[in-house]
Amino acid sequence: MVMKLRFSVVAIALWVDGFAQQPGTDPNEWVRNAIGNELRAEQQDTSHWKFRWRTQTADGKFEVDDVVETAQGDLKRPLIVNGRQLSPKKSDERMGKMMHDTSALEKSLKDKDDDAAKSQQLLKMFPDAFLFRYGGRNGDLLELHFSPNPKFKPPTHEAQVFHAMVGNYGSTPKGEDSGKSAAISATK
């Protein structure tokens, strides 16, 4: 879910340029339109990703996996388990077992679908959960401030945590700032 939200934030940033050129645009309406466009794009997205995933347990041990998304579920090639690096042979053996374990692939696909549904649910709430106001421009940087909308009643625990955020959203036009098109700073 975190990954989808991060990509969604970047996608929203791509719409900032149009907002910046229309100073009379209501920032709340602009965010509502940007979120709607992002949700439609996400529903049509059939891309698959390859990435490295690190998880850490409360006792400090960690695992690192190379992950490849497929239509049947995520394939994970373990590189480090319980803080210890696996040999390439052992890593390949574990991945081979997973490739033939249809229940593990089905579970990973279900988890991914559940995660995407939660992500979309939070994105749909975003325009209603917060009030946005124009923060100004500093050169090419456009800033929007956001704070909880007191009229919004969060329906879930995740939404309550999400709704408690206060922060700033800033973006530069596409292609500048070394490819960094968006920044969000949020507290609590």
Protein backbone atom coordinates (compact mmCIF):
# COMPACT_ATOMS: atom_id res chain seq x y z
CA MET A 1 0.00 0.00 0.00
CA VAL A 2 2.81 2.39 0.86
CA MET A 3 4.34 1.94 -2.56
CA LYS A 4 1.05 2.63 -4.33
CA LEU A 5 0.49 5.74 -2.23
CA ARG A 6 3.99 7.00 -3.01
CA PHE A 7 3.47 6.46 -6.74
CA SER A 8 0.08 8.12 -6.49
CA VAL A 9 1.66 11.15 -4.84
CA VAL A 10 4.15 11.41 -7.69
CA ALA A 11 1.36 11.08 -10.24
CA ILE A 12 -0.56 13.85 -8.51
CA ALA A 13 2.57 15.99 -8.73
CA LEU A 14 2.40 15.77 -12.50
CA TRP A 15 -0.87 17.67 -12.35
CA VAL A 16 0.59 20.52 -10.27
CA ASP A 17 1.99 22.25 -13.31
CA GLY A 18 -1.53 22.82 -14.70
CA PHE A 19 -2.69 24.11 -11.31
CA ALA A 20 0.27 26.48 -11.06
CA GLN A 21 -0.72 28.14 -14.31
CA GLN A 22 -4.31 28.71 -13.13
CA PRO A 23 -3.96 30.80 -9.94
CA GLY A 24 -7.75 31.16 -9.59
CA THR A 25 -8.24 27.38 -9.29
CA ASP A 26 -9.62 26.19 -5.93
CA PRO A 27 -6.96 23.88 -4.48
CA ASN A 28 -9.62 21.55 -3.01
CA GLU A 29 -11.25 21.08 -6.41
CA TRP A 30 -7.87 20.69 -8.06
CA VAL A 31 -6.92 17.86 -5.63
CA ARG A 32 -10.32 16.19 -6.18
CA ASN A 33 -9.76 16.18 -9.97
CA ALA A 34 -6.15 14.99 -9.65
CA ILE A 35 -7.17 12.11 -7.37
CA GLY A 36 -9.97 11.11 -9.76
CA ASN A 37 -7.51 11.05 -12.66
CA GLU A 38 -5.01 9.02 -10.62
CA LEU A 39 -7.65 6.45 -9.60
CA ARG A 40 -8.73 6.00 -13.23
CA ALA A 41 -5.11 5.58 -14.34
CA GLU A 42 -4.43 3.08 -11.54
CA GLN A 43 -7.42 0.95 -12.58
CA GLN A 44 -6.05 0.74 -16.13
CA ASP A 45 -2.47 0.01 -15.03
CA THR A 46 -1.34 -3.51 -15.92
CA SER A 47 2.37 -2.95 -15.32
CA HIS A 48 4.44 -5.22 -13.13
CA TRP A 49 7.43 -4.18 -11.07
CA LYS A 50 10.70 -5.67 -9.99
CA PHE A 51 12.13 -4.36 -6.73
CA ARG A 52 14.15 -5.21 -3.64
CA TRP A 53 12.13 -5.47 -0.42
CA ARG A 54 13.60 -5.27 3.07
CA THR A 55 11.60 -6.17 6.19
CA GLN A 56 12.73 -5.99 9.77
CA THR A 57 11.28 -7.66 12.84
CA ALA A 58 10.98 -6.20 16.33
CA ASP A 59 13.98 -8.24 17.48
CA GLY A 60 16.18 -6.50 14.88
CA LYS A 61 16.47 -9.39 12.43
CA PHE A 62 15.81 -8.57 8.82
CA GLU A 63 15.12 -10.16 5.48
CA VAL A 64 15.81 -8.95 1.97
CA ASP A 65 14.03 -10.31 -1.10
CA ASP A 66 14.17 -9.56 -4.80
CA VAL A 67 10.50 -9.37 -5.79
CA VAL A 68 9.01 -9.70 -9.27
CA GLU A 69 5.31 -8.99 -9.69
CA THR A 70 3.42 -11.31 -12.03
CA ALA A 71 -0.24 -11.67 -12.93
CA GLN A 72 -0.33 -14.85 -10.80
CA GLY A 73 1.28 -13.26 -7.71
CA ASP A 74 4.62 -11.95 -6.49
CA LEU A 75 7.71 -14.13 -6.83
CA LYS A 76 10.24 -13.55 -4.07
CA ARG A 77 13.87 -14.58 -4.29
CA PRO A 78 15.21 -14.46 -0.73
CA LEU A 79 18.67 -12.92 -0.47
CA ILE A 80 18.97 -12.46 3.30
CA VAL A 81 17.00 -14.42 5.92
CA ASN A 82 17.21 -13.66 9.67
CA GLY A 83 20.06 -11.24 8.92
CA ARG A 84 22.16 -13.89 7.16
CA GLN A 85 22.94 -13.85 3.46
CA LEU A 86 21.88 -16.97 1.56
CA SER A 87 24.13 -18.63 -0.96
CA PRO A 88 22.93 -18.24 -4.56
CA LYS A 89 22.13 -21.96 -4.64
CA LYS A 90 19.99 -21.81 -1.46
CA SER A 91 18.27 -18.65 -2.72
CA ASP A 92 17.44 -20.32 -6.04
CA GLU A 93 16.11 -23.41 -4.23
CA ARG A 94 13.75 -21.33 -2.10
CA MET A 95 12.50 -19.38 -5.11
CA GLY A 96 11.99 -22.63 -7.04
CA LYS A 97 9.79 -23.98 -4.25
CA MET A 98 7.73 -20.79 -4.27
CA MET A 99 7.25 -20.89 -8.04
CA HIS A 100 5.55 -24.28 -7.69
CA ASP A 101 3.55 -23.40 -4.57
CA THR A 102 0.27 -22.20 -6.06
CA SER A 103 -1.27 -21.48 -2.65
CA ALA A 104 1.62 -19.11 -1.78
CA LEU A 105 1.25 -17.33 -5.13
CA GLU A 106 -2.53 -17.07 -4.66
CA LYS A 107 -2.01 -15.66 -1.16
CA SER A 108 0.49 -13.09 -2.46
CA LEU A 109 -1.97 -12.06 -5.18
CA LYS A 110 -4.80 -11.74 -2.63
CA ASP A 111 -2.56 -9.67 -0.32
CA LYS A 112 -1.59 -7.43 -3.23
CA ASP A 113 -5.24 -6.97 -4.26
CA ASP A 114 -6.25 -6.21 -0.65
CA ASP A 115 -3.40 -3.71 -0.39
CA ALA A 116 -4.45 -2.01 -3.64
CA ALA A 117 -8.07 -1.80 -2.43
CA LYS A 118 -6.97 -0.14 0.84
CA SER A 119 -4.74 2.25 -1.06
CA GLN A 120 -7.57 3.23 -3.39
CA GLN A 121 -9.95 3.63 -0.46
CA LEU A 122 -7.55 6.08 1.22
CA LEU A 123 -6.94 7.94 -2.03
CA LYS A 124 -10.70 8.31 -2.57
CA MET A 125 -10.95 9.84 0.92
CA PHE A 126 -8.07 12.26 0.40
CA PRO A 127 -10.08 15.17 -1.11
CA ASP A 128 -12.76 14.90 1.61
CA ALA A 129 -10.43 14.19 4.54
CA PHE A 130 -8.32 17.32 4.14
CA LEU A 131 -8.69 21.00 3.44
CA PHE A 132 -6.16 22.38 0.98
CA ARG A 133 -5.00 25.93 0.63
CA TYR A 134 -2.56 27.61 -1.64
CA GLY A 135 0.76 28.08 0.14
CA GLY A 136 2.50 30.20 -2.45
CA ARG A 137 5.28 29.91 -4.95
CA ASN A 138 8.99 30.07 -4.46
CA GLY A 139 10.47 30.17 -7.93
CA ASP A 140 9.16 27.05 -9.64
CA LEU A 141 8.07 25.42 -6.39
CA LEU A 142 4.30 25.41 -5.83
CA GLU A 143 3.15 24.61 -2.33
CA LEU A 144 -0.23 23.48 -1.02
CA HIS A 145 -0.90 23.22 2.71
CA PHE A 146 -3.25 20.53 3.94
CA SER A 147 -4.93 19.95 7.28
CA PRO A 148 -7.73 17.69 8.55
CA ASN A 149 -11.23 18.63 7.43
CA PRO A 150 -13.26 18.89 10.66
CA LYS A 151 -16.42 17.80 8.80
CA PHE A 152 -14.85 14.50 7.73
CA LYS A 153 -15.67 11.45 9.87
CA PRO A 154 -13.07 8.70 9.30
CA PRO A 155 -14.82 5.33 8.78
CA THR A 156 -11.83 3.09 9.72
CA HIS A 157 -8.82 3.09 12.01
CA GLU A 158 -6.50 3.58 9.00
CA ALA A 159 -8.60 6.56 7.94
CA GLN A 160 -8.35 8.03 11.46
CA VAL A 161 -4.55 7.87 11.33
CA PHE A 162 -4.55 9.21 7.77
CA HIS A 163 -6.94 12.04 8.72
CA ALA A 164 -4.67 13.21 11.56
CA MET A 165 -1.94 14.32 9.13
CA VAL A 166 -1.07 17.97 8.68
CA GLY A 167 1.50 19.05 6.18
CA ASN A 168 2.70 20.63 3.00
CA TYR A 169 2.75 19.42 -0.54
CA GLY A 170 5.27 20.96 -2.90
CA SER A 171 6.18 20.31 -6.48
CA THR A 172 8.31 21.67 -9.26
CA PRO A 173 7.45 21.42 -12.95
CA LYS A 174 8.24 18.09 -14.61
CA GLY A 175 11.81 17.50 -15.60
CA GLU A 176 13.43 19.83 -13.09
CA ASP A 177 14.91 19.33 -9.65
CA SER A 178 16.84 16.22 -10.75
CA GLY A 179 13.64 14.30 -11.47
CA LYS A 180 12.18 14.88 -8.02
CA SER A 181 8.74 16.19 -8.86
CA ALA A 182 7.01 16.05 -5.48
CA ALA A 183 7.57 16.32 -1.78
CA ILE A 184 5.14 15.83 1.07
CA SER A 185 5.94 16.65 4.61
CA ALA A 186 3.35 15.48 7.09
CA THR A 187 3.20 15.35 10.84
CA LYS A 188 1.21 13.05 13.07
